[in-house]
Amino acid sequence: ERLKVMEAVLISFVCVGMGTLAYGFLEGVGFPRMG
């Protein structure tokens, strides 16, 4: 159970980290700001 949850945490961390980083670049070209 710990292995499954840890893997899910890592997947979430990487996906959201990369997604918010990319969205930050898009905010620079006029996309709405995300809180």
PDB file of all heavy atoms in Angstrom:
ATOM      1  N   GLU A   1       0.837  -1.213   0.000  1.00  0.00           N
ATOM      2  CA  GLU A   1       0.000   0.000   0.000  1.00  0.00           C
ATOM      3  C   GLU A   1       0.864   1.253   0.000  1.00  0.00           C
ATOM      4  O   GLU A   1       0.592   2.216  -0.709  1.00  0.00           O
ATOM      5  CB  GLU A   1      -0.943  -0.004   1.196  1.00  0.00           C
ATOM      6  CG  GLU A   1      -1.998   1.061   1.146  1.00  0.00           C
ATOM      7  CD  GLU A   1      -2.953   0.926  -0.032  1.00  0.00           C
ATOM      8  OE1 GLU A   1      -3.239  -0.191  -0.461  1.00  0.00           O
ATOM      9  OE2 GLU A   1      -3.415   1.975  -0.524  1.00  0.00           O
ATOM     10  N   ARG A   2       1.931   1.237   0.783  1.00  0.00           N
ATOM     11  CA  ARG A   2       2.849   2.382   0.810  1.00  0.00           C
ATOM     12  C   ARG A   2       3.501   2.598  -0.552  1.00  0.00           C
ATOM     13  O   ARG A   2       3.657   3.728  -1.003  1.00  0.00           O
ATOM     14  CB  ARG A   2       3.931   2.183   1.868  1.00  0.00           C
ATOM     15  CG  ARG A   2       3.419   2.334   3.277  1.00  0.00           C
ATOM     16  CD  ARG A   2       4.514   2.025   4.279  1.00  0.00           C
ATOM     17  NE  ARG A   2       3.966   1.960   5.602  1.00  0.00           N
ATOM     18  CZ  ARG A   2       4.363   2.721   6.617  1.00  0.00           C
ATOM     19  NH1 ARG A   2       5.335   3.584   6.445  1.00  0.00           N
ATOM     20  NH2 ARG A   2       3.809   2.611   7.794  1.00  0.00           N
ATOM     21  N   LEU A   3       3.883   1.503  -1.218  1.00  0.00           N
ATOM     22  CA  LEU A   3       4.481   1.595  -2.546  1.00  0.00           C
ATOM     23  C   LEU A   3       3.508   2.212  -3.547  1.00  0.00           C
ATOM     24  O   LEU A   3       3.872   3.117  -4.307  1.00  0.00           O
ATOM     25  CB  LEU A   3       4.911   0.201  -3.023  1.00  0.00           C
ATOM     26  CG  LEU A   3       5.442   0.119  -4.456  1.00  0.00           C
ATOM     27  CD1 LEU A   3       6.778   0.833  -4.561  1.00  0.00           C
ATOM     28  CD2 LEU A   3       5.559  -1.331  -4.898  1.00  0.00           C
ATOM     29  N   LYS A   4       2.257   1.752  -3.516  1.00  0.00           N
ATOM     30  CA  LYS A   4       1.253   2.274  -4.454  1.00  0.00           C
ATOM     31  C   LYS A   4       1.007   3.763  -4.222  1.00  0.00           C
ATOM     32  O   LYS A   4       0.952   4.553  -5.173  1.00  0.00           O
ATOM     33  CB  LYS A   4      -0.059   1.496  -4.324  1.00  0.00           C
ATOM     34  CG  LYS A   4       0.039   0.068  -4.812  1.00  0.00           C
ATOM     35  CD  LYS A   4      -1.300  -0.626  -4.906  1.00  0.00           C
ATOM     36  CE  LYS A   4      -1.993  -0.796  -3.597  1.00  0.00           C
ATOM     37  NZ  LYS A   4      -3.193  -1.640  -3.680  1.00  0.00           N
ATOM     38  N   VAL A   5       0.892   4.166  -2.968  1.00  0.00           N
ATOM     39  CA  VAL A   5       0.633   5.573  -2.657  1.00  0.00           C
ATOM     40  C   VAL A   5       1.848   6.428  -3.005  1.00  0.00           C
ATOM     41  O   VAL A   5       1.710   7.518  -3.569  1.00  0.00           O
ATOM     42  CB  VAL A   5       0.218   5.751  -1.179  1.00  0.00           C
ATOM     43  CG1 VAL A   5       0.172   7.224  -0.800  1.00  0.00           C
ATOM     44  CG2 VAL A   5      -1.128   5.094  -0.926  1.00  0.00           C
ATOM     45  N   MET A   6       3.037   5.935  -2.712  1.00  0.00           N
ATOM     46  CA  MET A   6       4.242   6.704  -3.032  1.00  0.00           C
ATOM     47  C   MET A   6       4.375   6.913  -4.530  1.00  0.00           C
ATOM     48  O   MET A   6       4.726   8.006  -4.984  1.00  0.00           O
ATOM     49  CB  MET A   6       5.484   5.986  -2.476  1.00  0.00           C
ATOM     50  CG  MET A   6       6.729   6.788  -2.596  1.00  0.00           C
ATOM     51  SD  MET A   6       6.551   8.311  -1.646  1.00  0.00           S
ATOM     52  CE  MET A   6       7.902   9.230  -2.279  1.00  0.00           C
ATOM     53  N   GLU A   7       4.083   5.867  -5.307  1.00  0.00           N
ATOM     54  CA  GLU A   7       4.145   6.015  -6.751  1.00  0.00           C
ATOM     55  C   GLU A   7       3.094   7.026  -7.234  1.00  0.00           C
ATOM     56  O   GLU A   7       3.375   7.844  -8.109  1.00  0.00           O
ATOM     57  CB  GLU A   7       3.937   4.664  -7.429  1.00  0.00           C
ATOM     58  CG  GLU A   7       4.247   4.705  -8.904  1.00  0.00           C
ATOM     59  CD  GLU A   7       4.296   3.322  -9.531  1.00  0.00           C
ATOM     60  OE1 GLU A   7       4.829   2.395  -8.901  1.00  0.00           O
ATOM     61  OE2 GLU A   7       3.812   3.188 -10.669  1.00  0.00           O
ATOM     62  N   ALA A   8       1.911   6.986  -6.648  1.00  0.00           N
ATOM     63  CA  ALA A   8       0.866   7.946  -7.017  1.00  0.00           C
ATOM     64  C   ALA A   8       1.280   9.373  -6.664  1.00  0.00           C
ATOM     65  O   ALA A   8       1.043  10.310  -7.440  1.00  0.00           O
ATOM     66  CB  ALA A   8      -0.448   7.589  -6.320  1.00  0.00           C
ATOM     67  N   VAL A   9       1.927   9.547  -5.516  1.00  0.00           N
ATOM     68  CA  VAL A   9       2.414  10.874  -5.120  1.00  0.00           C
ATOM     69  C   VAL A   9       3.459  11.375  -6.123  1.00  0.00           C
ATOM     70  O   VAL A   9       3.420  12.537  -6.541  1.00  0.00           O
ATOM     71  CB  VAL A   9       3.001  10.839  -3.688  1.00  0.00           C
ATOM     72  CG1 VAL A   9       3.780  12.102  -3.376  1.00  0.00           C
ATOM     73  CG2 VAL A   9       1.898  10.652  -2.671  1.00  0.00           C
ATOM     74  N   LEU A  10       4.379  10.507  -6.515  1.00  0.00           N
ATOM     75  CA  LEU A  10       5.410  10.911  -7.473  1.00  0.00           C
ATOM     76  C   LEU A  10       4.812  11.267  -8.832  1.00  0.00           C
ATOM     77  O   LEU A  10       5.213  12.261  -9.448  1.00  0.00           O
ATOM     78  CB  LEU A  10       6.457   9.803  -7.626  1.00  0.00           C
ATOM     79  CG  LEU A  10       7.384   9.621  -6.440  1.00  0.00           C
ATOM     80  CD1 LEU A  10       8.233   8.371  -6.612  1.00  0.00           C
ATOM     81  CD2 LEU A  10       8.261  10.836  -6.247  1.00  0.00           C
ATOM     82  N   ILE A  11       3.866  10.472  -9.300  1.00  0.00           N
ATOM     83  CA  ILE A  11       3.197  10.772 -10.569  1.00  0.00           C
ATOM     84  C   ILE A  11       2.514  12.135 -10.487  1.00  0.00           C
ATOM     85  O   ILE A  11       2.654  12.975 -11.378  1.00  0.00           O
ATOM     86  CB  ILE A  11       2.187   9.663 -10.935  1.00  0.00           C
ATOM     87  CG1 ILE A  11       2.922   8.376 -11.293  1.00  0.00           C
ATOM     88  CG2 ILE A  11       1.274  10.109 -12.080  1.00  0.00           C
ATOM     89  CD1 ILE A  11       2.013   7.154 -11.387  1.00  0.00           C
ATOM     90  N   SER A  12       1.793  12.363  -9.393  1.00  0.00           N
ATOM     91  CA  SER A  12       1.090  13.627  -9.210  1.00  0.00           C
ATOM     92  C   SER A  12       2.068  14.799  -9.147  1.00  0.00           C
ATOM     93  O   SER A  12       1.865  15.835  -9.790  1.00  0.00           O
ATOM     94  CB  SER A  12       0.259  13.571  -7.922  1.00  0.00           C
ATOM     95  OG  SER A  12      -0.351  14.793  -7.658  1.00  0.00           O
ATOM     96  N   PHE A  13       3.132  14.635  -8.381  1.00  0.00           N
ATOM     97  CA  PHE A  13       4.138  15.688  -8.230  1.00  0.00           C
ATOM     98  C   PHE A  13       4.733  16.084  -9.575  1.00  0.00           C
ATOM     99  O   PHE A  13       4.810  17.267  -9.915  1.00  0.00           O
ATOM    100  CB  PHE A  13       5.232  15.195  -7.269  1.00  0.00           C
ATOM    101  CG  PHE A  13       6.387  16.143  -7.111  1.00  0.00           C
ATOM    102  CD1 PHE A  13       6.277  17.244  -6.285  1.00  0.00           C
ATOM    103  CD2 PHE A  13       7.575  15.928  -7.783  1.00  0.00           C
ATOM    104  CE1 PHE A  13       7.349  18.123  -6.135  1.00  0.00           C
ATOM    105  CE2 PHE A  13       8.647  16.785  -7.635  1.00  0.00           C
ATOM    106  CZ  PHE A  13       8.530  17.892  -6.813  1.00  0.00           C
ATOM    107  N   VAL A  14       5.129  15.091 -10.363  1.00  0.00           N
ATOM    108  CA  VAL A  14       5.765  15.374 -11.650  1.00  0.00           C
ATOM    109  C   VAL A  14       4.761  15.974 -12.641  1.00  0.00           C
ATOM    110  O   VAL A  14       5.055  16.976 -13.300  1.00  0.00           O
ATOM    111  CB  VAL A  14       6.436  14.101 -12.222  1.00  0.00           C
ATOM    112  CG1 VAL A  14       6.892  14.312 -13.649  1.00  0.00           C
ATOM    113  CG2 VAL A  14       7.606  13.694 -11.345  1.00  0.00           C
ATOM    114  N   CYS A  15       3.578  15.386 -12.732  1.00  0.00           N
ATOM    115  CA  CYS A  15       2.582  15.892 -13.687  1.00  0.00           C
ATOM    116  C   CYS A  15       2.152  17.327 -13.364  1.00  0.00           C
ATOM    117  O   CYS A  15       2.130  18.187 -14.239  1.00  0.00           O
ATOM    118  CB  CYS A  15       1.350  14.981 -13.718  1.00  0.00           C
ATOM    119  SG  CYS A  15       1.642  13.391 -14.496  1.00  0.00           S
ATOM    120  N   VAL A  16       1.829  17.573 -12.109  1.00  0.00           N
ATOM    121  CA  VAL A  16       1.383  18.919 -11.727  1.00  0.00           C
ATOM    122  C   VAL A  16       2.546  19.897 -11.777  1.00  0.00           C
ATOM    123  O   VAL A  16       2.386  21.039 -12.225  1.00  0.00           O
ATOM    124  CB  VAL A  16       0.707  18.908 -10.342  1.00  0.00           C
ATOM    125  CG1 VAL A  16       0.412  20.317  -9.854  1.00  0.00           C
ATOM    126  CG2 VAL A  16      -0.580  18.089 -10.393  1.00  0.00           C
ATOM    127  N   GLY A  17       3.723  19.464 -11.374  1.00  0.00           N
ATOM    128  CA  GLY A  17       4.898  20.336 -11.445  1.00  0.00           C
ATOM    129  C   GLY A  17       5.184  20.777 -12.870  1.00  0.00           C
ATOM    130  O   GLY A  17       5.372  21.962 -13.151  1.00  0.00           O
ATOM    131  N   MET A  18       5.211  19.812 -13.791  1.00  0.00           N
ATOM    132  CA  MET A  18       5.478  20.146 -15.191  1.00  0.00           C
ATOM    133  C   MET A  18       4.326  20.957 -15.785  1.00  0.00           C
ATOM    134  O   MET A  18       4.556  21.897 -16.547  1.00  0.00           O
ATOM    135  CB  MET A  18       5.710  18.867 -15.996  1.00  0.00           C
ATOM    136  CG  MET A  18       7.024  18.205 -15.645  1.00  0.00           C
ATOM    137  SD  MET A  18       7.397  16.613 -16.439  1.00  0.00           S
ATOM    138  CE  MET A  18       6.313  16.455 -17.791  1.00  0.00           C
ATOM    139  N   GLY A  19       3.105  20.594 -15.425  1.00  0.00           N
ATOM    140  CA  GLY A  19       1.947  21.318 -15.955  1.00  0.00           C
ATOM    141  C   GLY A  19       1.891  22.766 -15.496  1.00  0.00           C
ATOM    142  O   GLY A  19       1.640  23.669 -16.292  1.00  0.00           O
ATOM    143  N   THR A  20       2.150  23.008 -14.209  1.00  0.00           N
ATOM    144  CA  THR A  20       2.117  24.389 -13.720  1.00  0.00           C
ATOM    145  C   THR A  20       3.309  25.191 -14.238  1.00  0.00           C
ATOM    146  O   THR A  20       3.182  26.397 -14.474  1.00  0.00           O
ATOM    147  CB  THR A  20       2.071  24.448 -12.181  1.00  0.00           C
ATOM    148  OG1 THR A  20       3.151  23.698 -11.633  1.00  0.00           O
ATOM    149  CG2 THR A  20       0.750  23.908 -11.657  1.00  0.00           C
ATOM    150  N   LEU A  21       4.446  24.535 -14.421  1.00  0.00           N
ATOM    151  CA  LEU A  21       5.595  25.215 -15.015  1.00  0.00           C
ATOM    152  C   LEU A  21       5.255  25.656 -16.443  1.00  0.00           C
ATOM    153  O   LEU A  21       5.479  26.815 -16.824  1.00  0.00           O
ATOM    154  CB  LEU A  21       6.813  24.300 -15.012  1.00  0.00           C
ATOM    155  CG  LEU A  21       8.096  24.889 -15.612  1.00  0.00           C
ATOM    156  CD1 LEU A  21       8.596  26.052 -14.762  1.00  0.00           C
ATOM    157  CD2 LEU A  21       9.156  23.814 -15.733  1.00  0.00           C
ATOM    158  N   ALA A  22       4.690  24.739 -17.214  1.00  0.00           N
ATOM    159  CA  ALA A  22       4.305  25.070 -18.593  1.00  0.00           C
ATOM    160  C   ALA A  22       3.241  26.167 -18.611  1.00  0.00           C
ATOM    161  O   ALA A  22       3.319  27.097 -19.422  1.00  0.00           O
ATOM    162  CB  ALA A  22       3.778  23.816 -19.303  1.00  0.00           C
ATOM    163  N   TYR A  23       2.275  26.086 -17.687  1.00  0.00           N
ATOM    164  CA  TYR A  23       1.241  27.106 -17.656  1.00  0.00           C
ATOM    165  C   TYR A  23       1.823  28.469 -17.284  1.00  0.00           C
ATOM    166  O   TYR A  23       1.365  29.508 -17.770  1.00  0.00           O
ATOM    167  CB  TYR A  23       0.101  26.730 -16.703  1.00  0.00           C
ATOM    168  CG  TYR A  23      -1.116  27.583 -16.929  1.00  0.00           C
ATOM    169  CD1 TYR A  23      -2.021  27.267 -17.936  1.00  0.00           C
ATOM    170  CD2 TYR A  23      -1.352  28.730 -16.180  1.00  0.00           C
ATOM    171  CE1 TYR A  23      -3.132  28.058 -18.180  1.00  0.00           C
ATOM    172  CE2 TYR A  23      -2.457  29.528 -16.416  1.00  0.00           C
ATOM    173  CZ  TYR A  23      -3.341  29.193 -17.415  1.00  0.00           C
ATOM    174  OH  TYR A  23      -4.435  29.988 -17.662  1.00  0.00           O
ATOM    175  N   GLY A  24       2.830  28.473 -16.440  1.00  0.00           N
ATOM    176  CA  GLY A  24       3.504  29.734 -16.099  1.00  0.00           C
ATOM    177  C   GLY A  24       4.080  30.411 -17.331  1.00  0.00           C
ATOM    178  O   GLY A  24       4.004  31.633 -17.486  1.00  0.00           O
ATOM    179  N   PHE A  25       4.636  29.614 -18.251  1.00  0.00           N
ATOM    180  CA  PHE A  25       5.138  30.178 -19.505  1.00  0.00           C
ATOM    181  C   PHE A  25       3.983  30.718 -20.348  1.00  0.00           C
ATOM    182  O   PHE A  25       4.111  31.760 -20.996  1.00  0.00           O
ATOM    183  CB  PHE A  25       5.919  29.131 -20.296  1.00  0.00           C
ATOM    184  CG  PHE A  25       7.186  28.691 -19.626  1.00  0.00           C
ATOM    185  CD1 PHE A  25       7.502  27.348 -19.540  1.00  0.00           C
ATOM    186  CD2 PHE A  25       8.074  29.611 -19.079  1.00  0.00           C
ATOM    187  CE1 PHE A  25       8.675  26.933 -18.935  1.00  0.00           C
ATOM    188  CE2 PHE A  25       9.248  29.206 -18.470  1.00  0.00           C
ATOM    189  CZ  PHE A  25       9.551  27.860 -18.390  1.00  0.00           C
ATOM    190  N   LEU A  26       2.862  30.007 -20.335  1.00  0.00           N
ATOM    191  CA  LEU A  26       1.701  30.458 -21.104  1.00  0.00           C
ATOM    192  C   LEU A  26       1.108  31.749 -20.531  1.00  0.00           C
ATOM    193  O   LEU A  26       0.590  32.577 -21.283  1.00  0.00           O
ATOM    194  CB  LEU A  26       0.632  29.357 -21.157  1.00  0.00           C
ATOM    195  CG  LEU A  26       1.037  28.096 -21.919  1.00  0.00           C
ATOM    196  CD1 LEU A  26      -0.033  27.025 -21.763  1.00  0.00           C
ATOM    197  CD2 LEU A  26       1.286  28.410 -23.389  1.00  0.00           C
ATOM    198  N   GLU A  27       1.186  31.922 -19.215  1.00  0.00           N
ATOM    199  CA  GLU A  27       0.731  33.185 -18.621  1.00  0.00           C
ATOM    200  C   GLU A  27       1.535  34.358 -19.169  1.00  0.00           C
ATOM    201  O   GLU A  27       1.022  35.465 -19.304  1.00  0.00           O
ATOM    202  CB  GLU A  27       0.859  33.142 -17.096  1.00  0.00           C
ATOM    203  CG  GLU A  27      -0.193  32.306 -16.411  1.00  0.00           C
ATOM    204  CD  GLU A  27      -0.012  32.273 -14.900  1.00  0.00           C
ATOM    205  OE1 GLU A  27       1.025  32.767 -14.387  1.00  0.00           O
ATOM    206  OE2 GLU A  27      -0.907  31.739 -14.228  1.00  0.00           O
ATOM    207  N   GLY A  28       2.791  34.099 -19.499  1.00  0.00           N
ATOM    208  CA  GLY A  28       3.657  35.143 -20.052  1.00  0.00           C
ATOM    209  C   GLY A  28       3.227  35.620 -21.431  1.00  0.00           C
ATOM    210  O   GLY A  28       3.609  36.713 -21.850  1.00  0.00           O
ATOM    211  N   VAL A  29       2.428  34.818 -22.134  1.00  0.00           N
ATOM    212  CA  VAL A  29       1.958  35.236 -23.458  1.00  0.00           C
ATOM    213  C   VAL A  29       0.471  35.578 -23.458  1.00  0.00           C
ATOM    214  O   VAL A  29      -0.146  35.651 -24.513  1.00  0.00           O
ATOM    215  CB  VAL A  29       2.257  34.166 -24.549  1.00  0.00           C
ATOM    216  CG1 VAL A  29       3.753  33.998 -24.725  1.00  0.00           C
ATOM    217  CG2 VAL A  29       1.563  32.855 -24.250  1.00  0.00           C
ATOM    218  N   GLY A  30      -0.101  35.766 -22.261  1.00  0.00           N
ATOM    219  CA  GLY A  30      -1.464  36.268 -22.199  1.00  0.00           C
ATOM    220  C   GLY A  30      -2.522  35.344 -21.622  1.00  0.00           C
ATOM    221  O   GLY A  30      -3.671  35.749 -21.507  1.00  0.00           O
ATOM    222  N   PHE A  31      -2.167  34.101 -21.273  1.00  0.00           N
ATOM    223  CA  PHE A  31      -3.162  33.231 -20.637  1.00  0.00           C
ATOM    224  C   PHE A  31      -3.553  33.820 -19.282  1.00  0.00           C
ATOM    225  O   PHE A  31      -2.745  34.513 -18.644  1.00  0.00           O
ATOM    226  CB  PHE A  31      -2.594  31.826 -20.443  1.00  0.00           C
ATOM    227  CG  PHE A  31      -2.739  30.929 -21.641  1.00  0.00           C
ATOM    228  CD1 PHE A  31      -2.158  31.261 -22.861  1.00  0.00           C
ATOM    229  CD2 PHE A  31      -3.454  29.746 -21.556  1.00  0.00           C
ATOM    230  CE1 PHE A  31      -2.271  30.440 -23.959  1.00  0.00           C
ATOM    231  CE2 PHE A  31      -3.580  28.906 -22.652  1.00  0.00           C
ATOM    232  CZ  PHE A  31      -2.998  29.250 -23.856  1.00  0.00           C
ATOM    233  N   PRO A  32      -4.776  33.549 -18.820  1.00  0.00           N
ATOM    234  CA  PRO A  32      -5.187  34.109 -17.518  1.00  0.00           C
ATOM    235  C   PRO A  32      -4.337  33.563 -16.373  1.00  0.00           C
ATOM    236  O   PRO A  32      -3.875  32.431 -16.420  1.00  0.00           O
ATOM    237  CB  PRO A  32      -6.640  33.658 -17.369  1.00  0.00           C
ATOM    238  CG  PRO A  32      -6.907  32.685 -18.441  1.00  0.00           C
ATOM    239  CD  PRO A  32      -5.808  32.748 -19.441  1.00  0.00           C
ATOM    240  N   ARG A  33      -4.139  34.399 -15.376  1.00  0.00           N
ATOM    241  CA  ARG A  33      -3.352  34.004 -14.213  1.00  0.00           C
ATOM    242  C   ARG A  33      -4.082  32.919 -13.430  1.00  0.00           C
ATOM    243  O   ARG A  33      -5.286  32.955 -13.277  1.00  0.00           O
ATOM    244  CB  ARG A  33      -3.113  35.202 -13.324  1.00  0.00           C
ATOM    245  CG  ARG A  33      -2.115  36.171 -13.977  1.00  0.00           C
ATOM    246  CD  ARG A  33      -1.249  36.737 -12.992  1.00  0.00           C
ATOM    247  NE  ARG A  33       0.050  37.130 -12.911  1.00  0.00           N
ATOM    248  CZ  ARG A  33       1.139  36.664 -13.482  1.00  0.00           C
ATOM    249  NH1 ARG A  33       1.073  35.695 -14.316  1.00  0.00           N
ATOM    250  NH2 ARG A  33       2.313  37.149 -13.221  1.00  0.00           N
ATOM    251  N   MET A  34      -3.311  31.974 -12.920  1.00  0.00           N
ATOM    252  CA  MET A  34      -3.874  30.901 -12.099  1.00  0.00           C
ATOM    253  C   MET A  34      -3.436  31.137 -10.655  1.00  0.00           C
ATOM    254  O   MET A  34      -2.247  31.329 -10.385  1.00  0.00           O
ATOM    255  CB  MET A  34      -3.355  29.541 -12.576  1.00  0.00           C
ATOM    256  CG  MET A  34      -3.902  28.378 -11.777  1.00  0.00           C
ATOM    257  SD  MET A  34      -3.363  26.756 -12.371  1.00  0.00           S
ATOM    258  CE  MET A  34      -1.651  26.760 -11.945  1.00  0.00           C
ATOM    259  N   GLY A  35      -4.397  31.126  -9.753  1.00  0.00           N
ATOM    260  CA  GLY A  35      -4.074  31.304  -8.340  1.00  0.00           C
ATOM    261  C   GLY A  35      -3.274  30.124  -7.811  1.00  0.00           C
ATOM    262  O   GLY A  35      -3.475  28.982  -8.227  1.00  0.00           O
TER     263      GLY A  35
END
